[in-house]
Amino acid sequence: MNADEDPGSRVPWALLCGLIIMLNASNYALQSGQCTDYITGSGATSTCSLEPALGWPGSVLLAMVSLVVLGYCINRLLRLSR
């Protein structure tokens, strides 16, 4: 029996899958924002904007990399369960 067939070798892959899911969830759950407040007499309205913690470009990149790595992890888990 080699190391790939050991049932204990599934644990790191499962933990990596969980870590990737938690990383993506925290990116979208933790928001960063910016508010612009104007004085009352100026006539302009105050505005606020919210975005994911890494910003939209970083979030899209994180999502694409996560999909590839998560697919690989799931593939390894399925191969180990055979």
PDB file of N, CA and C in Angstrom:
ATOM      1  N   MET A   1       0.852  -1.167   0.000  1.00  0.00           N
ATOM      2  CA  MET A   1       0.000   0.000   0.000  1.00  0.00           C
ATOM      3  C   MET A   1       0.904   1.237   0.000  1.00  0.00           C
ATOM      4  N   ASN A   2       0.753   2.090  -0.998  1.00  0.00           N
ATOM      5  CA  ASN A   2       1.565   3.302  -1.035  1.00  0.00           C
ATOM      6  C   ASN A   2       0.833   4.460  -0.353  1.00  0.00           C
ATOM      7  N   ALA A   3       1.479   5.617  -0.295  1.00  0.00           N
ATOM      8  CA  ALA A   3       0.923   6.753   0.462  1.00  0.00           C
ATOM      9  C   ALA A   3      -0.375   7.264  -0.146  1.00  0.00           C
ATOM     10  N   ASP A   4      -0.563   7.114  -1.481  1.00  0.00           N
ATOM     11  CA  ASP A   4      -1.792   7.599  -2.109  1.00  0.00           C
ATOM     12  C   ASP A   4      -3.000   6.747  -1.752  1.00  0.00           C
ATOM     13  N   GLU A   5      -2.792   5.517  -1.357  1.00  0.00           N
ATOM     14  CA  GLU A   5      -3.907   4.637  -1.032  1.00  0.00           C
ATOM     15  C   GLU A   5      -4.260   4.657   0.452  1.00  0.00           C
ATOM     16  N   ASP A   6      -3.467   5.315   1.249  1.00  0.00           N
ATOM     17  CA  ASP A   6      -3.712   5.393   2.681  1.00  0.00           C
ATOM     18  C   ASP A   6      -4.964   6.233   2.938  1.00  0.00           C
ATOM     19  N   PRO A   7      -5.948   5.723   3.703  1.00  0.00           N
ATOM     20  CA  PRO A   7      -7.155   6.498   3.981  1.00  0.00           C
ATOM     21  C   PRO A   7      -6.873   7.815   4.705  1.00  0.00           C
ATOM     22  N   GLY A   8      -5.798   7.872   5.456  1.00  0.00           N
ATOM     23  CA  GLY A   8      -5.446   9.106   6.153  1.00  0.00           C
ATOM     24  C   GLY A   8      -4.989  10.208   5.216  1.00  0.00           C
ATOM     25  N   SER A   9      -4.631   9.864   3.984  1.00  0.00           N
ATOM     26  CA  SER A   9      -4.175  10.886   3.045  1.00  0.00           C
ATOM     27  C   SER A   9      -5.332  11.687   2.462  1.00  0.00           C
ATOM     28  N   ARG A  10      -6.566  11.282   2.762  1.00  0.00           N
ATOM     29  CA  ARG A  10      -7.723  12.066   2.322  1.00  0.00           C
ATOM     30  C   ARG A  10      -7.920  13.312   3.172  1.00  0.00           C
ATOM     31  N   VAL A  11      -7.444  13.271   4.401  1.00  0.00           N
ATOM     32  CA  VAL A  11      -7.672  14.376   5.336  1.00  0.00           C
ATOM     33  C   VAL A  11      -7.058  15.689   4.842  1.00  0.00           C
ATOM     34  N   PRO A  12      -5.804  15.715   4.378  1.00  0.00           N
ATOM     35  CA  PRO A  12      -5.263  16.998   3.905  1.00  0.00           C
ATOM     36  C   PRO A  12      -6.036  17.573   2.717  1.00  0.00           C
ATOM     37  N   TRP A  13      -6.506  16.707   1.825  1.00  0.00           N
ATOM     38  CA  TRP A  13      -7.270  17.194   0.671  1.00  0.00           C
ATOM     39  C   TRP A  13      -8.618  17.762   1.104  1.00  0.00           C
ATOM     40  N   ALA A  14      -9.253  17.104   2.048  1.00  0.00           N
ATOM     41  CA  ALA A  14     -10.531  17.609   2.562  1.00  0.00           C
ATOM     42  C   ALA A  14     -10.334  18.932   3.301  1.00  0.00           C
ATOM     43  N   LEU A  15      -9.240  19.037   4.067  1.00  0.00           N
ATOM     44  CA  LEU A  15      -8.949  20.292   4.767  1.00  0.00           C
ATOM     45  C   LEU A  15      -8.651  21.417   3.786  1.00  0.00           C
ATOM     46  N   LEU A  16      -7.946  21.108   2.716  1.00  0.00           N
ATOM     47  CA  LEU A  16      -7.654  22.120   1.706  1.00  0.00           C
ATOM     48  C   LEU A  16      -8.936  22.599   1.030  1.00  0.00           C
ATOM     49  N   CYS A  17      -9.850  21.687   0.743  1.00  0.00           N
ATOM     50  CA  CYS A  17     -11.147  22.078   0.169  1.00  0.00           C
ATOM     51  C   CYS A  17     -11.899  23.004   1.120  1.00  0.00           C
ATOM     52  N   GLY A  18     -11.913  22.666   2.395  1.00  0.00           N
ATOM     53  CA  GLY A  18     -12.580  23.511   3.383  1.00  0.00           C
ATOM     54  C   GLY A  18     -11.933  24.876   3.514  1.00  0.00           C
ATOM     55  N   LEU A  19     -10.607  24.917   3.457  1.00  0.00           N
ATOM     56  CA  LEU A  19      -9.889  26.178   3.541  1.00  0.00           C
ATOM     57  C   LEU A  19     -10.216  27.082   2.357  1.00  0.00           C
ATOM     58  N   ILE A  20     -10.291  26.515   1.171  1.00  0.00           N
ATOM     59  CA  ILE A  20     -10.611  27.298  -0.018  1.00  0.00           C
ATOM     60  C   ILE A  20     -12.023  27.871   0.083  1.00  0.00           C
ATOM     61  N   ILE A  21     -12.956  27.053   0.547  1.00  0.00           N
ATOM     62  CA  ILE A  21     -14.341  27.523   0.686  1.00  0.00           C
ATOM     63  C   ILE A  21     -14.412  28.635   1.737  1.00  0.00           C
ATOM     64  N   MET A  22     -13.720  28.464   2.854  1.00  0.00           N
ATOM     65  CA  MET A  22     -13.734  29.497   3.899  1.00  0.00           C
ATOM     66  C   MET A  22     -13.070  30.789   3.427  1.00  0.00           C
ATOM     67  N   LEU A  23     -12.013  30.682   2.646  1.00  0.00           N
ATOM     68  CA  LEU A  23     -11.334  31.863   2.134  1.00  0.00           C
ATOM     69  C   LEU A  23     -12.248  32.656   1.213  1.00  0.00           C
ATOM     70  N   ASN A  24     -12.949  31.971   0.329  1.00  0.00           N
ATOM     71  CA  ASN A  24     -13.865  32.660  -0.575  1.00  0.00           C
ATOM     72  C   ASN A  24     -15.053  33.246   0.173  1.00  0.00           C
ATOM     73  N   ALA A  25     -15.577  32.515   1.138  1.00  0.00           N
ATOM     74  CA  ALA A  25     -16.711  33.023   1.912  1.00  0.00           C
ATOM     75  C   ALA A  25     -16.311  34.269   2.703  1.00  0.00           C
ATOM     76  N   SER A  26     -15.136  34.257   3.294  1.00  0.00           N
ATOM     77  CA  SER A  26     -14.712  35.424   4.064  1.00  0.00           C
ATOM     78  C   SER A  26     -14.425  36.618   3.156  1.00  0.00           C
ATOM     79  N   ASN A  27     -13.969  36.382   1.937  1.00  0.00           N
ATOM     80  CA  ASN A  27     -13.732  37.480   1.013  1.00  0.00           C
ATOM     81  C   ASN A  27     -15.037  38.197   0.684  1.00  0.00           C
ATOM     82  N   TYR A  28     -16.104  37.442   0.470  1.00  0.00           N
ATOM     83  CA  TYR A  28     -17.373  38.065   0.117  1.00  0.00           C
ATOM     84  C   TYR A  28     -18.161  38.508   1.350  1.00  0.00           C
ATOM     85  N   ALA A  29     -17.896  37.925   2.505  1.00  0.00           N
ATOM     86  CA  ALA A  29     -18.613  38.316   3.719  1.00  0.00           C
ATOM     87  C   ALA A  29     -18.035  39.592   4.320  1.00  0.00           C
ATOM     88  N   LEU A  30     -16.732  39.741   4.267  1.00  0.00           N
ATOM     89  CA  LEU A  30     -16.095  40.945   4.791  1.00  0.00           C
ATOM     90  C   LEU A  30     -16.073  42.004   3.699  1.00  0.00           C
ATOM     91  N   GLN A  31     -16.803  43.054   3.927  1.00  0.00           N
ATOM     92  CA  GLN A  31     -16.919  44.105   2.931  1.00  0.00           C
ATOM     93  C   GLN A  31     -16.001  45.273   3.290  1.00  0.00           C
ATOM     94  N   SER A  32     -15.477  45.908   2.285  1.00  0.00           N
ATOM     95  CA  SER A  32     -14.760  47.157   2.498  1.00  0.00           C
ATOM     96  C   SER A  32     -15.523  48.227   1.732  1.00  0.00           C
ATOM     97  N   GLY A  33     -15.533  49.412   2.248  1.00  0.00           N
ATOM     98  CA  GLY A  33     -16.321  50.448   1.602  1.00  0.00           C
ATOM     99  C   GLY A  33     -15.734  51.823   1.801  1.00  0.00           C
ATOM    100  N   GLN A  34     -16.384  52.748   1.137  1.00  0.00           N
ATOM    101  CA  GLN A  34     -15.953  54.125   1.200  1.00  0.00           C
ATOM    102  C   GLN A  34     -17.190  55.003   1.152  1.00  0.00           C
ATOM    103  N   CYS A  35     -17.254  55.948   2.028  1.00  0.00           N
ATOM    104  CA  CYS A  35     -18.366  56.889   2.048  1.00  0.00           C
ATOM    105  C   CYS A  35     -17.849  58.300   1.798  1.00  0.00           C
ATOM    106  N   THR A  36     -18.619  59.053   1.021  1.00  0.00           N
ATOM    107  CA  THR A  36     -18.311  60.450   0.776  1.00  0.00           C
ATOM    108  C   THR A  36     -19.455  61.262   1.354  1.00  0.00           C
ATOM    109  N   ASP A  37     -19.155  62.037   2.365  1.00  0.00           N
ATOM    110  CA  ASP A  37     -20.166  62.878   3.007  1.00  0.00           C
ATOM    111  C   ASP A  37     -19.944  64.327   2.613  1.00  0.00           C
ATOM    112  N   TYR A  38     -21.018  64.961   2.224  1.00  0.00           N
ATOM    113  CA  TYR A  38     -20.968  66.369   1.851  1.00  0.00           C
ATOM    114  C   TYR A  38     -21.665  67.188   2.920  1.00  0.00           C
ATOM    115  N   ILE A  39     -21.307  68.433   3.018  1.00  0.00           N
ATOM    116  CA  ILE A  39     -21.981  69.300   3.987  1.00  0.00           C
ATOM    117  C   ILE A  39     -23.396  69.585   3.493  1.00  0.00           C
ATOM    118  N   THR A  40     -24.261  69.878   4.421  1.00  0.00           N
ATOM    119  CA  THR A  40     -25.686  70.018   4.107  1.00  0.00           C
ATOM    120  C   THR A  40     -25.942  71.128   3.098  1.00  0.00           C
ATOM    121  N   GLY A  41     -25.262  72.209   3.187  1.00  0.00           N
ATOM    122  CA  GLY A  41     -25.534  73.352   2.318  1.00  0.00           C
ATOM    123  C   GLY A  41     -25.038  73.198   0.894  1.00  0.00           C
ATOM    124  N   SER A  42     -24.265  72.178   0.581  1.00  0.00           N
ATOM    125  CA  SER A  42     -23.694  72.060  -0.766  1.00  0.00           C
ATOM    126  C   SER A  42     -24.702  71.565  -1.792  1.00  0.00           C
ATOM    127  N   GLY A  43     -25.732  70.893  -1.353  1.00  0.00           N
ATOM    128  CA  GLY A  43     -26.728  70.367  -2.280  1.00  0.00           C
ATOM    129  C   GLY A  43     -26.396  68.990  -2.821  1.00  0.00           C
ATOM    130  N   ALA A  44     -25.204  68.495  -2.582  1.00  0.00           N
ATOM    131  CA  ALA A  44     -24.817  67.164  -3.048  1.00  0.00           C
ATOM    132  C   ALA A  44     -25.284  66.116  -2.040  1.00  0.00           C
ATOM    133  N   THR A  45     -25.495  64.922  -2.504  1.00  0.00           N
ATOM    134  CA  THR A  45     -25.926  63.844  -1.617  1.00  0.00           C
ATOM    135  C   THR A  45     -24.720  62.994  -1.212  1.00  0.00           C
ATOM    136  N   SER A  46     -24.779  62.489  -0.016  1.00  0.00           N
ATOM    137  CA  SER A  46     -23.725  61.603   0.467  1.00  0.00           C
ATOM    138  C   SER A  46     -23.879  60.228  -0.187  1.00  0.00           C
ATOM    139  N   THR A  47     -22.774  59.606  -0.531  1.00  0.00           N
ATOM    140  CA  THR A  47     -22.806  58.298  -1.183  1.00  0.00           C
ATOM    141  C   THR A  47     -21.862  57.334  -0.480  1.00  0.00           C
ATOM    142  N   CYS A  48     -22.206  56.070  -0.542  1.00  0.00           N
ATOM    143  CA  CYS A  48     -21.357  55.013  -0.006  1.00  0.00           C
ATOM    144  C   CYS A  48     -21.269  53.883  -1.022  1.00  0.00           C
ATOM    145  N   SER A  49     -20.134  53.228  -1.066  1.00  0.00           N
ATOM    146  CA  SER A  49     -19.976  52.068  -1.944  1.00  0.00           C
ATOM    147  C   SER A  49     -19.343  50.931  -1.145  1.00  0.00           C
ATOM    148  N   LEU A  50     -19.791  49.723  -1.422  1.00  0.00           N
ATOM    149  CA  LEU A  50     -19.258  48.526  -0.764  1.00  0.00           C
ATOM    150  C   LEU A  50     -18.753  47.564  -1.822  1.00  0.00           C
ATOM    151  N   GLU A  51     -17.704  46.859  -1.492  1.00  0.00           N
ATOM    152  CA  GLU A  51     -17.182  45.819  -2.376  1.00  0.00           C
ATOM    153  C   GLU A  51     -16.531  44.744  -1.528  1.00  0.00           C
ATOM    154  N   PRO A  52     -16.257  43.583  -2.120  1.00  0.00           N
ATOM    155  CA  PRO A  52     -15.583  42.521  -1.364  1.00  0.00           C
ATOM    156  C   PRO A  52     -14.221  42.989  -0.852  1.00  0.00           C
ATOM    157  N   ALA A  53     -13.706  42.266   0.120  1.00  0.00           N
ATOM    158  CA  ALA A  53     -12.467  42.670   0.783  1.00  0.00           C
ATOM    159  C   ALA A  53     -11.295  42.832  -0.196  1.00  0.00           C
ATOM    160  N   LEU A  54     -11.222  41.986  -1.203  1.00  0.00           N
ATOM    161  CA  LEU A  54     -10.115  42.075  -2.169  1.00  0.00           C
ATOM    162  C   LEU A  54     -10.435  42.969  -3.358  1.00  0.00           C
ATOM    163  N   GLY A  55     -11.611  43.573  -3.390  1.00  0.00           N
ATOM    164  CA  GLY A  55     -12.032  44.340  -4.556  1.00  0.00           C
ATOM    165  C   GLY A  55     -12.541  43.372  -5.624  1.00  0.00           C
ATOM    166  N   TRP A  56     -13.180  43.920  -6.644  1.00  0.00           N
ATOM    167  CA  TRP A  56     -13.746  43.030  -7.672  1.00  0.00           C
ATOM    168  C   TRP A  56     -12.692  42.321  -8.515  1.00  0.00           C
ATOM    169  N   PRO A  57     -11.621  42.998  -8.963  1.00  0.00           N
ATOM    170  CA  PRO A  57     -10.613  42.251  -9.737  1.00  0.00           C
ATOM    171  C   PRO A  57      -9.958  41.139  -8.923  1.00  0.00           C
ATOM    172  N   GLY A  58      -9.633  41.408  -7.669  1.00  0.00           N
ATOM    173  CA  GLY A  58      -9.028  40.386  -6.817  1.00  0.00           C
ATOM    174  C   GLY A  58      -9.981  39.247  -6.526  1.00  0.00           C
ATOM    175  N   SER A  59     -11.268  39.569  -6.385  1.00  0.00           N
ATOM    176  CA  SER A  59     -12.268  38.534  -6.108  1.00  0.00           C
ATOM    177  C   SER A  59     -12.476  37.618  -7.306  1.00  0.00           C
ATOM    178  N   VAL A  60     -12.468  38.190  -8.498  1.00  0.00           N
ATOM    179  CA  VAL A  60     -12.612  37.365  -9.703  1.00  0.00           C
ATOM    180  C   VAL A  60     -11.404  36.459  -9.865  1.00  0.00           C
ATOM    181  N   LEU A  61     -10.217  36.993  -9.633  1.00  0.00           N
ATOM    182  CA  LEU A  61      -9.001  36.173  -9.712  1.00  0.00           C
ATOM    183  C   LEU A  61      -9.015  35.077  -8.651  1.00  0.00           C
ATOM    184  N   LEU A  62      -9.411  35.419  -7.431  1.00  0.00           N
ATOM    185  CA  LEU A  62      -9.506  34.427  -6.364  1.00  0.00           C
ATOM    186  C   LEU A  62     -10.505  33.335  -6.723  1.00  0.00           C
ATOM    187  N   ALA A  63     -11.632  33.708  -7.288  1.00  0.00           N
ATOM    188  CA  ALA A  63     -12.650  32.726  -7.657  1.00  0.00           C
ATOM    189  C   ALA A  63     -12.137  31.779  -8.744  1.00  0.00           C
ATOM    190  N   MET A  64     -11.442  32.311  -9.744  1.00  0.00           N
ATOM    191  CA  MET A  64     -10.938  31.450 -10.825  1.00  0.00           C
ATOM    192  C   MET A  64      -9.863  30.485 -10.310  1.00  0.00           C
ATOM    193  N   VAL A  65      -8.933  30.989  -9.522  1.00  0.00           N
ATOM    194  CA  VAL A  65      -7.879  30.125  -8.979  1.00  0.00           C
ATOM    195  C   VAL A  65      -8.494  29.091  -8.036  1.00  0.00           C
ATOM    196  N   SER A  66      -9.469  29.521  -7.238  1.00  0.00           N
ATOM    197  CA  SER A  66     -10.116  28.607  -6.298  1.00  0.00           C
ATOM    198  C   SER A  66     -10.858  27.491  -7.020  1.00  0.00           C
ATOM    199  N   LEU A  67     -11.510  27.803  -8.132  1.00  0.00           N
ATOM    200  CA  LEU A  67     -12.212  26.764  -8.890  1.00  0.00           C
ATOM    201  C   LEU A  67     -11.249  25.706  -9.412  1.00  0.00           C
ATOM    202  N   VAL A  68     -10.107  26.135  -9.894  1.00  0.00           N
ATOM    203  CA  VAL A  68      -9.119  25.184 -10.409  1.00  0.00           C
ATOM    204  C   VAL A  68      -8.578  24.306  -9.276  1.00  0.00           C
ATOM    205  N   VAL A  69      -8.193  24.936  -8.171  1.00  0.00           N
ATOM    206  CA  VAL A  69      -7.628  24.181  -7.053  1.00  0.00           C
ATOM    207  C   VAL A  69      -8.680  23.286  -6.408  1.00  0.00           C
ATOM    208  N   LEU A  70      -9.911  23.793  -6.277  1.00  0.00           N
ATOM    209  CA  LEU A  70     -10.984  22.988  -5.703  1.00  0.00           C
ATOM    210  C   LEU A  70     -11.313  21.795  -6.601  1.00  0.00           C
ATOM    211  N   GLY A  71     -11.295  21.999  -7.901  1.00  0.00           N
ATOM    212  CA  GLY A  71     -11.504  20.883  -8.825  1.00  0.00           C
ATOM    213  C   GLY A  71     -10.426  19.823  -8.687  1.00  0.00           C
ATOM    214  N   TYR A  72      -9.174  20.258  -8.529  1.00  0.00           N
ATOM    215  CA  TYR A  72      -8.081  19.315  -8.345  1.00  0.00           C
ATOM    216  C   TYR A  72      -8.234  18.550  -7.032  1.00  0.00           C
ATOM    217  N   CYS A  73      -8.606  19.260  -5.963  1.00  0.00           N
ATOM    218  CA  CYS A  73      -8.783  18.611  -4.655  1.00  0.00           C
ATOM    219  C   CYS A  73      -9.904  17.574  -4.704  1.00  0.00           C
ATOM    220  N   ILE A  74     -11.005  17.934  -5.323  1.00  0.00           N
ATOM    221  CA  ILE A  74     -12.123  16.995  -5.435  1.00  0.00           C
ATOM    222  C   ILE A  74     -11.736  15.796  -6.277  1.00  0.00           C
ATOM    223  N   ASN A  75     -10.976  16.029  -7.347  1.00  0.00           N
ATOM    224  CA  ASN A  75     -10.493  14.931  -8.180  1.00  0.00           C
ATOM    225  C   ASN A  75      -9.613  13.983  -7.362  1.00  0.00           C
ATOM    226  N   ARG A  76      -8.713  14.537  -6.551  1.00  0.00           N
ATOM    227  CA  ARG A  76      -7.850  13.699  -5.714  1.00  0.00           C
ATOM    228  C   ARG A  76      -8.674  12.910  -4.693  1.00  0.00           C
ATOM    229  N   LEU A  77      -9.682  13.552  -4.097  1.00  0.00           N
ATOM    230  CA  LEU A  77     -10.527  12.855  -3.131  1.00  0.00           C
ATOM    231  C   LEU A  77     -11.289  11.706  -3.787  1.00  0.00           C
ATOM    232  N   LEU A  78     -11.797  11.957  -4.986  1.00  0.00           N
ATOM    233  CA  LEU A  78     -12.528  10.894  -5.690  1.00  0.00           C
ATOM    234  C   LEU A  78     -11.604   9.752  -6.073  1.00  0.00           C
ATOM    235  N   ARG A  79     -10.378  10.064  -6.500  1.00  0.00           N
ATOM    236  CA  ARG A  79      -9.429   9.018  -6.863  1.00  0.00           C
ATOM    237  C   ARG A  79      -9.011   8.207  -5.647  1.00  0.00           C
ATOM    238  N   LEU A  80      -8.907   8.855  -4.484  1.00  0.00           N
ATOM    239  CA  LEU A  80      -8.517   8.139  -3.276  1.00  0.00           C
ATOM    240  C   LEU A  80      -9.653   7.266  -2.732  1.00  0.00           C
ATOM    241  N   SER A  81     -10.887   7.622  -3.045  1.00  0.00           N
ATOM    242  CA  SER A  81     -12.016   6.844  -2.513  1.00  0.00           C
ATOM    243  C   SER A  81     -12.319   5.605  -3.363  1.00  0.00           C
ATOM    244  N   ARG A  82     -11.698   5.477  -4.497  1.00  0.00           N
ATOM    245  CA  ARG A  82     -11.924   4.294  -5.358  1.00  0.00           C
ATOM    246  C   ARG A  82     -11.223   3.089  -4.830  1.00  0.00           C
TER     247      ARG A  82
END
